[in-house]
Amino acid sequence: MGTGRTGPNVLCAYMPKSNEDKKRIERWFVQAARRASAIIPDGVIYDFEKPDFKLASPDGLIGIEVTELLRKDNTGPFPPVAEATLHEQAVEAAEEYYRKSGAIPVRVIVYFTNDWKSYRRPQDLGRSLCDFVASHNKHLDTYTKRDVPDDFDVVGINPPDGQPWLCGGSANLGPLQQTELALAIRDKEKRLPLYRDNLPGAPIWLMVYISVTTSRTVALPFDASTWKFESAFDKIVLFNYPEGEVIDIGAARVSIS
């Protein structure tokens, strides 16, 4: 048995289905980044649009645009989005099987092993997950790879809280390239004039975060803390959630073109 992220951190595994869900998750990551580092100042965070949030800091208003960094492709025959959909369907099936079994209520958070080369049915994955949870529900814990069935990396069994079971994916991919991050920054930079019009006079920050939300999640290389990008944003912050690391990457004069 291992110890994993519990409590509010399970939001990292939630797959948003609406703009409201997306906003809630983005807000959570901004708050998590602020807890992890003093780079993001204190102050009330207000929902906004274009940019995503405005922060009333002690030094004045700051606009914050938030984006998750996701890989666009993979080397296997199954697209990452399809793999993520399979995970979601499997967890829904597992929760339904478990509910119908009459077992004691629990709340489950599961991380899958990505597999783009094998065909798997969500019902089969769901049955496997249900059986595992049913056989371990008297010992609430986070079970890691050595304890869980094939196809899973982590299974967290938690007290019930009225919320549905949650799923995520693992980052079984090569490390992020600096050029990939540069392209993500440049894409967001196209919208910067609108952000400045909507919050005149306020500095506009970009927060790029890496989570374990789907099978498109990227892995950050060890030297990423040395990366710097030139940009029209007033500050660019990279939040590597799995490691609890917040990096200011927008200070040096390095072109992203």
Foldseek 3Di string as FASTA:
>chain_A
DDADDDDPVLLLAADDDDPVSVLVSQVVVVVLLVVLDCPDPDADWAADVLAGIWGQHPVGIEAEHEAEQFADADDAPAGQVNQQVLQVLLQVLLVVVLVVVVADDWAKEWEWEDDRHDDDHSNVSSVQVNVVCSVCVVPFHKDADVPGDHGTGIMGIGHDDPDHHGYFYDAPDDADDPLSVLVVQVVVLVSVVVSCVVVPPHQYEYEYEFGRHTNRTHHHDPCCLVAAEAGPHPWYWYQDPVVSDIHTRHDDYDYSD
